[in-house]
Amino acid sequence: MDWALQDAKNRFSEVVQRAGREGPQTVTVRGVRAVVVMSAADYDALVRRRPSLVDDLLAGPAWDDELTAAVDDRAKLPSRETEL
């Protein structure tokens, strides 16, 4: 359901209760969607499904032995030296 900001402010308790019973409630400002009020359970489910950056990186393709050796053998110093 969409709520105008003023209505959502005046009936916030109802907005929260409906979010728990009916699902996310949209609040609009001057007719434009601004925020969504949702239950903690809905939010937790949404966040739980989203992988972290580390998960994404670890899920990528494995490095082959040649690439691994090249990375391990690279110079440990910066590639450019700066002059002062």
PDB file of N, CA and C in Angstrom:
ATOM      1  N   MET A   1       0.845  -1.179   0.000  1.00  0.00           N
ATOM      2  CA  MET A   1       0.000   0.000   0.000  1.00  0.00           C
ATOM      3  C   MET A   1       0.888   1.240   0.000  1.00  0.00           C
ATOM      4  N   ASP A   2       0.451   2.284  -0.671  1.00  0.00           N
ATOM      5  CA  ASP A   2       1.154   3.561  -0.691  1.00  0.00           C
ATOM      6  C   ASP A   2       0.556   4.503   0.347  1.00  0.00           C
ATOM      7  N   TRP A   3       1.449   5.178   1.062  1.00  0.00           N
ATOM      8  CA  TRP A   3       1.043   6.150   2.073  1.00  0.00           C
ATOM      9  C   TRP A   3       1.698   7.484   1.744  1.00  0.00           C
ATOM     10  N   ALA A   4       0.923   8.546   1.764  1.00  0.00           N
ATOM     11  CA  ALA A   4       1.504   9.881   1.692  1.00  0.00           C
ATOM     12  C   ALA A   4       2.251  10.116   3.005  1.00  0.00           C
ATOM     13  N   LEU A   5       3.316  10.856   2.966  1.00  0.00           N
ATOM     14  CA  LEU A   5       4.150  11.054   4.149  1.00  0.00           C
ATOM     15  C   LEU A   5       3.339  11.534   5.353  1.00  0.00           C
ATOM     16  N   GLN A   6       2.493  12.516   5.162  1.00  0.00           N
ATOM     17  CA  GLN A   6       1.711  13.044   6.286  1.00  0.00           C
ATOM     18  C   GLN A   6       0.809  11.962   6.884  1.00  0.00           C
ATOM     19  N   ASP A   7       0.165  11.157   6.027  1.00  0.00           N
ATOM     20  CA  ASP A   7      -0.680  10.064   6.525  1.00  0.00           C
ATOM     21  C   ASP A   7       0.156   9.024   7.269  1.00  0.00           C
ATOM     22  N   ALA A   8       1.330   8.700   6.717  1.00  0.00           N
ATOM     23  CA  ALA A   8       2.201   7.719   7.361  1.00  0.00           C
ATOM     24  C   ALA A   8       2.656   8.215   8.735  1.00  0.00           C
ATOM     25  N   LYS A   9       2.939   9.520   8.841  1.00  0.00           N
ATOM     26  CA  LYS A   9       3.344  10.085  10.131  1.00  0.00           C
ATOM     27  C   LYS A   9       2.185  10.017  11.129  1.00  0.00           C
ATOM     28  N   ASN A  10       1.005  10.378  10.681  1.00  0.00           N
ATOM     29  CA  ASN A  10      -0.155  10.399  11.573  1.00  0.00           C
ATOM     30  C   ASN A  10      -0.611   9.001  11.978  1.00  0.00           C
ATOM     31  N   ARG A  11      -0.358   8.018  11.121  1.00  0.00           N
ATOM     32  CA  ARG A  11      -0.851   6.658  11.377  1.00  0.00           C
ATOM     33  C   ARG A  11       0.308   5.660  11.375  1.00  0.00           C
ATOM     34  N   PHE A  12       1.454   6.082  11.919  1.00  0.00           N
ATOM     35  CA  PHE A  12       2.658   5.265  11.858  1.00  0.00           C
ATOM     36  C   PHE A  12       2.451   3.881  12.457  1.00  0.00           C
ATOM     37  N   SER A  13       1.754   3.800  13.564  1.00  0.00           N
ATOM     38  CA  SER A  13       1.492   2.506  14.191  1.00  0.00           C
ATOM     39  C   SER A  13       0.783   1.569  13.215  1.00  0.00           C
ATOM     40  N   GLU A  14      -0.181   2.096  12.477  1.00  0.00           N
ATOM     41  CA  GLU A  14      -0.900   1.284  11.492  1.00  0.00           C
ATOM     42  C   GLU A  14       0.018   0.878  10.332  1.00  0.00           C
ATOM     43  N   VAL A  15       0.871   1.791   9.912  1.00  0.00           N
ATOM     44  CA  VAL A  15       1.823   1.468   8.843  1.00  0.00           C
ATOM     45  C   VAL A  15       2.694   0.292   9.268  1.00  0.00           C
ATOM     46  N   VAL A  16       3.197   0.331  10.503  1.00  0.00           N
ATOM     47  CA  VAL A  16       4.059  -0.742  11.013  1.00  0.00           C
ATOM     48  C   VAL A  16       3.280  -2.048  11.121  1.00  0.00           C
ATOM     49  N   GLN A  17       2.062  -1.989  11.642  1.00  0.00           N
ATOM     50  CA  GLN A  17       1.255  -3.202  11.776  1.00  0.00           C
ATOM     51  C   GLN A  17       0.956  -3.821  10.413  1.00  0.00           C
ATOM     52  N   ARG A  18       0.614  -2.987   9.439  1.00  0.00           N
ATOM     53  CA  ARG A  18       0.335  -3.501   8.095  1.00  0.00           C
ATOM     54  C   ARG A  18       1.580  -4.086   7.435  1.00  0.00           C
ATOM     55  N   ALA A  19       2.719  -3.485   7.707  1.00  0.00           N
ATOM     56  CA  ALA A  19       3.964  -4.033   7.156  1.00  0.00           C
ATOM     57  C   ALA A  19       4.178  -5.454   7.673  1.00  0.00           C
ATOM     58  N   GLY A  20       3.843  -5.677   8.933  1.00  0.00           N
ATOM     59  CA  GLY A  20       3.970  -7.018   9.507  1.00  0.00           C
ATOM     60  C   GLY A  20       2.958  -8.000   8.956  1.00  0.00           C
ATOM     61  N   ARG A  21       1.726  -7.536   8.729  1.00  0.00           N
ATOM     62  CA  ARG A  21       0.652  -8.422   8.256  1.00  0.00           C
ATOM     63  C   ARG A  21       0.614  -8.578   6.743  1.00  0.00           C
ATOM     64  N   GLU A  22       0.739  -7.459   6.029  1.00  0.00           N
ATOM     65  CA  GLU A  22       0.476  -7.445   4.590  1.00  0.00           C
ATOM     66  C   GLU A  22       1.731  -7.361   3.731  1.00  0.00           C
ATOM     67  N   GLY A  23       2.847  -6.997   4.334  1.00  0.00           N
ATOM     68  CA  GLY A  23       4.074  -6.848   3.559  1.00  0.00           C
ATOM     69  C   GLY A  23       4.492  -5.396   3.495  1.00  0.00           C
ATOM     70  N   PRO A  24       5.535  -5.118   2.736  1.00  0.00           N
ATOM     71  CA  PRO A  24       6.119  -3.774   2.683  1.00  0.00           C
ATOM     72  C   PRO A  24       5.099  -2.680   2.356  1.00  0.00           C
ATOM     73  N   GLN A  25       5.267  -1.527   3.028  1.00  0.00           N
ATOM     74  CA  GLN A  25       4.412  -0.364   2.843  1.00  0.00           C
ATOM     75  C   GLN A  25       5.267   0.770   2.277  1.00  0.00           C
ATOM     76  N   THR A  26       4.816   1.371   1.193  1.00  0.00           N
ATOM     77  CA  THR A  26       5.563   2.438   0.533  1.00  0.00           C
ATOM     78  C   THR A  26       5.080   3.792   1.023  1.00  0.00           C
ATOM     79  N   VAL A  27       6.039   4.666   1.346  1.00  0.00           N
ATOM     80  CA  VAL A  27       5.719   6.030   1.763  1.00  0.00           C
ATOM     81  C   VAL A  27       6.179   6.963   0.649  1.00  0.00           C
ATOM     82  N   THR A  28       5.289   7.867   0.243  1.00  0.00           N
ATOM     83  CA  THR A  28       5.612   8.798  -0.838  1.00  0.00           C
ATOM     84  C   THR A  28       5.763  10.212  -0.300  1.00  0.00           C
ATOM     85  N   VAL A  29       6.611  10.976  -0.980  1.00  0.00           N
ATOM     86  CA  VAL A  29       6.782  12.392  -0.678  1.00  0.00           C
ATOM     87  C   VAL A  29       6.468  13.143  -1.964  1.00  0.00           C
ATOM     88  N   ARG A  30       5.432  13.980  -1.907  1.00  0.00           N
ATOM     89  CA  ARG A  30       4.954  14.704  -3.083  1.00  0.00           C
ATOM     90  C   ARG A  30       4.668  13.769  -4.251  1.00  0.00           C
ATOM     91  N   GLY A  31       4.113  12.590  -3.928  1.00  0.00           N
ATOM     92  CA  GLY A  31       3.720  11.631  -4.957  1.00  0.00           C
ATOM     93  C   GLY A  31       4.836  10.737  -5.479  1.00  0.00           C
ATOM     94  N   VAL A  32       6.048  10.912  -4.970  1.00  0.00           N
ATOM     95  CA  VAL A  32       7.192  10.118  -5.430  1.00  0.00           C
ATOM     96  C   VAL A  32       7.594   9.142  -4.329  1.00  0.00           C
ATOM     97  N   ARG A  33       7.798   7.865  -4.696  1.00  0.00           N
ATOM     98  CA  ARG A  33       8.216   6.868  -3.709  1.00  0.00           C
ATOM     99  C   ARG A  33       9.482   7.333  -3.008  1.00  0.00           C
ATOM    100  N   ALA A  34       9.460   7.308  -1.668  1.00  0.00           N
ATOM    101  CA  ALA A  34      10.608   7.779  -0.896  1.00  0.00           C
ATOM    102  C   ALA A  34      11.229   6.655  -0.072  1.00  0.00           C
ATOM    103  N   VAL A  35      10.406   5.924   0.662  1.00  0.00           N
ATOM    104  CA  VAL A  35      10.917   4.851   1.521  1.00  0.00           C
ATOM    105  C   VAL A  35       9.922   3.697   1.533  1.00  0.00           C
ATOM    106  N   VAL A  36      10.424   2.562   2.007  1.00  0.00           N
ATOM    107  CA  VAL A  36       9.579   1.385   2.179  1.00  0.00           C
ATOM    108  C   VAL A  36       9.710   0.931   3.625  1.00  0.00           C
ATOM    109  N   VAL A  37       8.585   0.750   4.295  1.00  0.00           N
ATOM    110  CA  VAL A  37       8.574   0.228   5.657  1.00  0.00           C
ATOM    111  C   VAL A  37       8.267  -1.257   5.544  1.00  0.00           C
ATOM    112  N   MET A  38       9.152  -2.086   6.111  1.00  0.00           N
ATOM    113  CA  MET A  38       8.932  -3.535   6.048  1.00  0.00           C
ATOM    114  C   MET A  38       9.207  -4.170   7.392  1.00  0.00           C
ATOM    115  N   SER A  39       8.683  -5.363   7.569  1.00  0.00           N
ATOM    116  CA  SER A  39       8.890  -6.068   8.833  1.00  0.00           C
ATOM    117  C   SER A  39      10.356  -6.471   8.961  1.00  0.00           C
ATOM    118  N   ALA A  40      10.788  -6.681  10.182  1.00  0.00           N
ATOM    119  CA  ALA A  40      12.168  -7.112  10.424  1.00  0.00           C
ATOM    120  C   ALA A  40      12.419  -8.465   9.758  1.00  0.00           C
ATOM    121  N   ALA A  41      11.425  -9.344   9.761  1.00  0.00           N
ATOM    122  CA  ALA A  41      11.584 -10.660   9.129  1.00  0.00           C
ATOM    123  C   ALA A  41      11.792 -10.520   7.624  1.00  0.00           C
ATOM    124  N   ASP A  42      11.027  -9.644   6.977  1.00  0.00           N
ATOM    125  CA  ASP A  42      11.209  -9.412   5.536  1.00  0.00           C
ATOM    126  C   ASP A  42      12.586  -8.825   5.255  1.00  0.00           C
ATOM    127  N   TYR A  43      13.018  -7.886   6.089  1.00  0.00           N
ATOM    128  CA  TYR A  43      14.323  -7.269   5.906  1.00  0.00           C
ATOM    129  C   TYR A  43      15.441  -8.301   6.074  1.00  0.00           C
ATOM    130  N   ASP A  44      15.342  -9.125   7.127  1.00  0.00           N
ATOM    131  CA  ASP A  44      16.362 -10.148   7.368  1.00  0.00           C
ATOM    132  C   ASP A  44      16.454 -11.114   6.195  1.00  0.00           C
ATOM    133  N   ALA A  45      15.310 -11.511   5.651  1.00  0.00           N
ATOM    134  CA  ALA A  45      15.313 -12.421   4.501  1.00  0.00           C
ATOM    135  C   ALA A  45      15.956 -11.751   3.287  1.00  0.00           C
ATOM    136  N   LEU A  46      15.701 -10.481   3.097  1.00  0.00           N
ATOM    137  CA  LEU A  46      16.278  -9.741   1.975  1.00  0.00           C
ATOM    138  C   LEU A  46      17.795  -9.647   2.105  1.00  0.00           C
ATOM    139  N   VAL A  47      18.274  -9.315   3.280  1.00  0.00           N
ATOM    140  CA  VAL A  47      19.712  -9.162   3.510  1.00  0.00           C
ATOM    141  C   VAL A  47      20.416 -10.514   3.464  1.00  0.00           C
ATOM    142  N   ARG A  48      19.785 -11.532   3.968  1.00  0.00           N
ATOM    143  CA  ARG A  48      20.389 -12.864   4.019  1.00  0.00           C
ATOM    144  C   ARG A  48      20.670 -13.401   2.615  1.00  0.00           C
ATOM    145  N   ARG A  49      19.845 -13.056   1.639  1.00  0.00           N
ATOM    146  CA  ARG A  49      20.008 -13.565   0.275  1.00  0.00           C
ATOM    147  C   ARG A  49      21.124 -12.855  -0.476  1.00  0.00           C
ATOM    148  N   ARG A  50      21.553 -11.704   0.014  1.00  0.00           N
ATOM    149  CA  ARG A  50      22.542 -10.904  -0.704  1.00  0.00           C
ATOM    150  C   ARG A  50      23.950 -11.326  -0.315  1.00  0.00           C
ATOM    151  N   PRO A  51      24.742 -11.838  -1.262  1.00  0.00           N
ATOM    152  CA  PRO A  51      26.100 -12.239  -0.906  1.00  0.00           C
ATOM    153  C   PRO A  51      26.984 -11.017  -0.655  1.00  0.00           C
ATOM    154  N   SER A  52      27.991 -11.215   0.164  1.00  0.00           N
ATOM    155  CA  SER A  52      28.940 -10.139   0.436  1.00  0.00           C
ATOM    156  C   SER A  52      29.967 -10.070  -0.689  1.00  0.00           C
ATOM    157  N   LEU A  53      30.776  -9.025  -0.696  1.00  0.00           N
ATOM    158  CA  LEU A  53      31.840  -8.895  -1.680  1.00  0.00           C
ATOM    159  C   LEU A  53      32.799 -10.080  -1.590  1.00  0.00           C
ATOM    160  N   VAL A  54      33.118 -10.498  -0.385  1.00  0.00           N
ATOM    161  CA  VAL A  54      34.013 -11.638  -0.200  1.00  0.00           C
ATOM    162  C   VAL A  54      33.393 -12.894  -0.808  1.00  0.00           C
ATOM    163  N   ASP A  55      32.104 -13.118  -0.576  1.00  0.00           N
ATOM    164  CA  ASP A  55      31.422 -14.275  -1.165  1.00  0.00           C
ATOM    165  C   ASP A  55      31.517 -14.240  -2.683  1.00  0.00           C
ATOM    166  N   ASP A  56      31.285 -13.061  -3.274  1.00  0.00           N
ATOM    167  CA  ASP A  56      31.370 -12.921  -4.728  1.00  0.00           C
ATOM    168  C   ASP A  56      32.767 -13.231  -5.244  1.00  0.00           C
ATOM    169  N   LEU A  57      33.780 -12.717  -4.562  1.00  0.00           N
ATOM    170  CA  LEU A  57      35.156 -12.960  -4.997  1.00  0.00           C
ATOM    171  C   LEU A  57      35.536 -14.430  -4.869  1.00  0.00           C
ATOM    172  N   LEU A  58      35.139 -15.059  -3.771  1.00  0.00           N
ATOM    173  CA  LEU A  58      35.464 -16.469  -3.575  1.00  0.00           C
ATOM    174  C   LEU A  58      34.704 -17.384  -4.527  1.00  0.00           C
ATOM    175  N   ALA A  59      33.570 -16.931  -5.025  1.00  0.00           N
ATOM    176  CA  ALA A  59      32.767 -17.742  -5.933  1.00  0.00           C
ATOM    177  C   ALA A  59      33.251 -17.650  -7.379  1.00  0.00           C
ATOM    178  N   GLY A  60      34.213 -16.767  -7.632  1.00  0.00           N
ATOM    179  CA  GLY A  60      34.712 -16.590  -8.993  1.00  0.00           C
ATOM    180  C   GLY A  60      35.505 -17.799  -9.449  1.00  0.00           C
ATOM    181  N   PRO A  61      35.950 -17.763 -10.697  1.00  0.00           N
ATOM    182  CA  PRO A  61      36.708 -18.900 -11.229  1.00  0.00           C
ATOM    183  C   PRO A  61      38.045 -19.043 -10.507  1.00  0.00           C
ATOM    184  N   ALA A  62      38.496 -20.279 -10.398  1.00  0.00           N
ATOM    185  CA  ALA A  62      39.778 -20.549  -9.750  1.00  0.00           C
ATOM    186  C   ALA A  62      40.912 -20.091 -10.665  1.00  0.00           C
ATOM    187  N   TRP A  63      41.978 -19.634 -10.062  1.00  0.00           N
ATOM    188  CA  TRP A  63      43.149 -19.237 -10.837  1.00  0.00           C
ATOM    189  C   TRP A  63      43.881 -20.497 -11.280  1.00  0.00           C
ATOM    190  N   ASP A  64      44.354 -20.509 -12.507  1.00  0.00           N
ATOM    191  CA  ASP A  64      45.151 -21.658 -12.940  1.00  0.00           C
ATOM    192  C   ASP A  64      46.556 -21.546 -12.351  1.00  0.00           C
ATOM    193  N   ASP A  65      47.304 -22.621 -12.422  1.00  0.00           N
ATOM    194  CA  ASP A  65      48.633 -22.671 -11.790  1.00  0.00           C
ATOM    195  C   ASP A  65      49.586 -21.624 -12.369  1.00  0.00           C
ATOM    196  N   GLU A  66      49.482 -21.364 -13.664  1.00  0.00           N
ATOM    197  CA  GLU A  66      50.375 -20.401 -14.310  1.00  0.00           C
ATOM    198  C   GLU A  66      50.139 -18.990 -13.775  1.00  0.00           C
ATOM    199  N   LEU A  67      48.885 -18.609 -13.642  1.00  0.00           N
ATOM    200  CA  LEU A  67      48.570 -17.281 -13.114  1.00  0.00           C
ATOM    201  C   LEU A  67      48.995 -17.171 -11.651  1.00  0.00           C
ATOM    202  N   THR A  68      48.743 -18.198 -10.882  1.00  0.00           N
ATOM    203  CA  THR A  68      49.145 -18.194  -9.472  1.00  0.00           C
ATOM    204  C   THR A  68      50.655 -18.019  -9.345  1.00  0.00           C
ATOM    205  N   ALA A  69      51.422 -18.740 -10.156  1.00  0.00           N
ATOM    206  CA  ALA A  69      52.883 -18.629 -10.121  1.00  0.00           C
ATOM    207  C   ALA A  69      53.317 -17.221 -10.518  1.00  0.00           C
ATOM    208  N   ALA A  70      52.679 -16.629 -11.532  1.00  0.00           N
ATOM    209  CA  ALA A  70      53.045 -15.284 -11.979  1.00  0.00           C
ATOM    210  C   ALA A  70      52.793 -14.260 -10.875  1.00  0.00           C
ATOM    211  N   VAL A  71      51.705 -14.392 -10.169  1.00  0.00           N
ATOM    212  CA  VAL A  71      51.402 -13.463  -9.076  1.00  0.00           C
ATOM    213  C   VAL A  71      52.398 -13.649  -7.939  1.00  0.00           C
ATOM    214  N   ASP A  72      52.696 -14.886  -7.607  1.00  0.00           N
ATOM    215  CA  ASP A  72      53.644 -15.155  -6.527  1.00  0.00           C
ATOM    216  C   ASP A  72      55.057 -14.679  -6.861  1.00  0.00           C
ATOM    217  N   ASP A  73      55.434 -14.756  -8.137  1.00  0.00           N
ATOM    218  CA  ASP A  73      56.804 -14.421  -8.551  1.00  0.00           C
ATOM    219  C   ASP A  73      56.997 -12.945  -8.859  1.00  0.00           C
ATOM    220  N   ARG A  74      55.949 -12.160  -8.867  1.00  0.00           N
ATOM    221  CA  ARG A  74      56.078 -10.759  -9.248  1.00  0.00           C
ATOM    222  C   ARG A  74      56.973 -10.010  -8.261  1.00  0.00           C
ATOM    223  N   ALA A  75      57.513  -8.914  -8.707  1.00  0.00           N
ATOM    224  CA  ALA A  75      58.360  -8.096  -7.837  1.00  0.00           C
ATOM    225  C   ALA A  75      57.521  -7.577  -6.674  1.00  0.00           C
ATOM    226  N   LYS A  76      58.101  -7.558  -5.534  1.00  0.00           N
ATOM    227  CA  LYS A  76      57.374  -7.122  -4.335  1.00  0.00           C
ATOM    228  C   LYS A  76      57.437  -5.606  -4.153  1.00  0.00           C
ATOM    229  N   LEU A  77      58.281  -4.932  -4.929  1.00  0.00           N
ATOM    230  CA  LEU A  77      58.420  -3.488  -4.821  1.00  0.00           C
ATOM    231  C   LEU A  77      57.459  -2.805  -5.792  1.00  0.00           C
ATOM    232  N   PRO A  78      57.151  -1.540  -5.567  1.00  0.00           N
ATOM    233  CA  PRO A  78      56.309  -0.819  -6.523  1.00  0.00           C
ATOM    234  C   PRO A  78      56.931  -0.845  -7.912  1.00  0.00           C
ATOM    235  N   SER A  79      56.123  -0.829  -8.944  1.00  0.00           N
ATOM    236  CA  SER A  79      56.629  -0.921 -10.308  1.00  0.00           C
ATOM    237  C   SER A  79      57.322   0.357 -10.742  1.00  0.00           C
ATOM    238  N   ARG A  80      57.016   1.481 -10.116  1.00  0.00           N
ATOM    239  CA  ARG A  80      57.659   2.760 -10.456  1.00  0.00           C
ATOM    240  C   ARG A  80      58.332   3.310  -9.227  1.00  0.00           C
ATOM    241  N   GLU A  81      59.488   3.855  -9.420  1.00  0.00           N
ATOM    242  CA  GLU A  81      60.148   4.511  -8.308  1.00  0.00           C
ATOM    243  C   GLU A  81      59.930   6.003  -8.446  1.00  0.00           C
ATOM    244  N   THR A  82      59.677   6.639  -7.368  1.00  0.00           N
ATOM    245  CA  THR A  82      59.425   8.084  -7.411  1.00  0.00           C
ATOM    246  C   THR A  82      60.691   8.835  -7.025  1.00  0.00           C
ATOM    247  N   GLU A  83      60.897   9.927  -7.690  1.00  0.00           N
ATOM    248  CA  GLU A  83      62.046  10.775  -7.372  1.00  0.00           C
ATOM    249  C   GLU A  83      61.566  11.954  -6.539  1.00  0.00           C
ATOM    250  N   LEU A  84      62.346  12.326  -5.588  1.00  0.00           N
ATOM    251  CA  LEU A  84      62.000  13.473  -4.742  1.00  0.00           C
ATOM    252  C   LEU A  84      62.767  14.681  -5.133  1.00  0.00           C
TER     253      LEU A  84
END
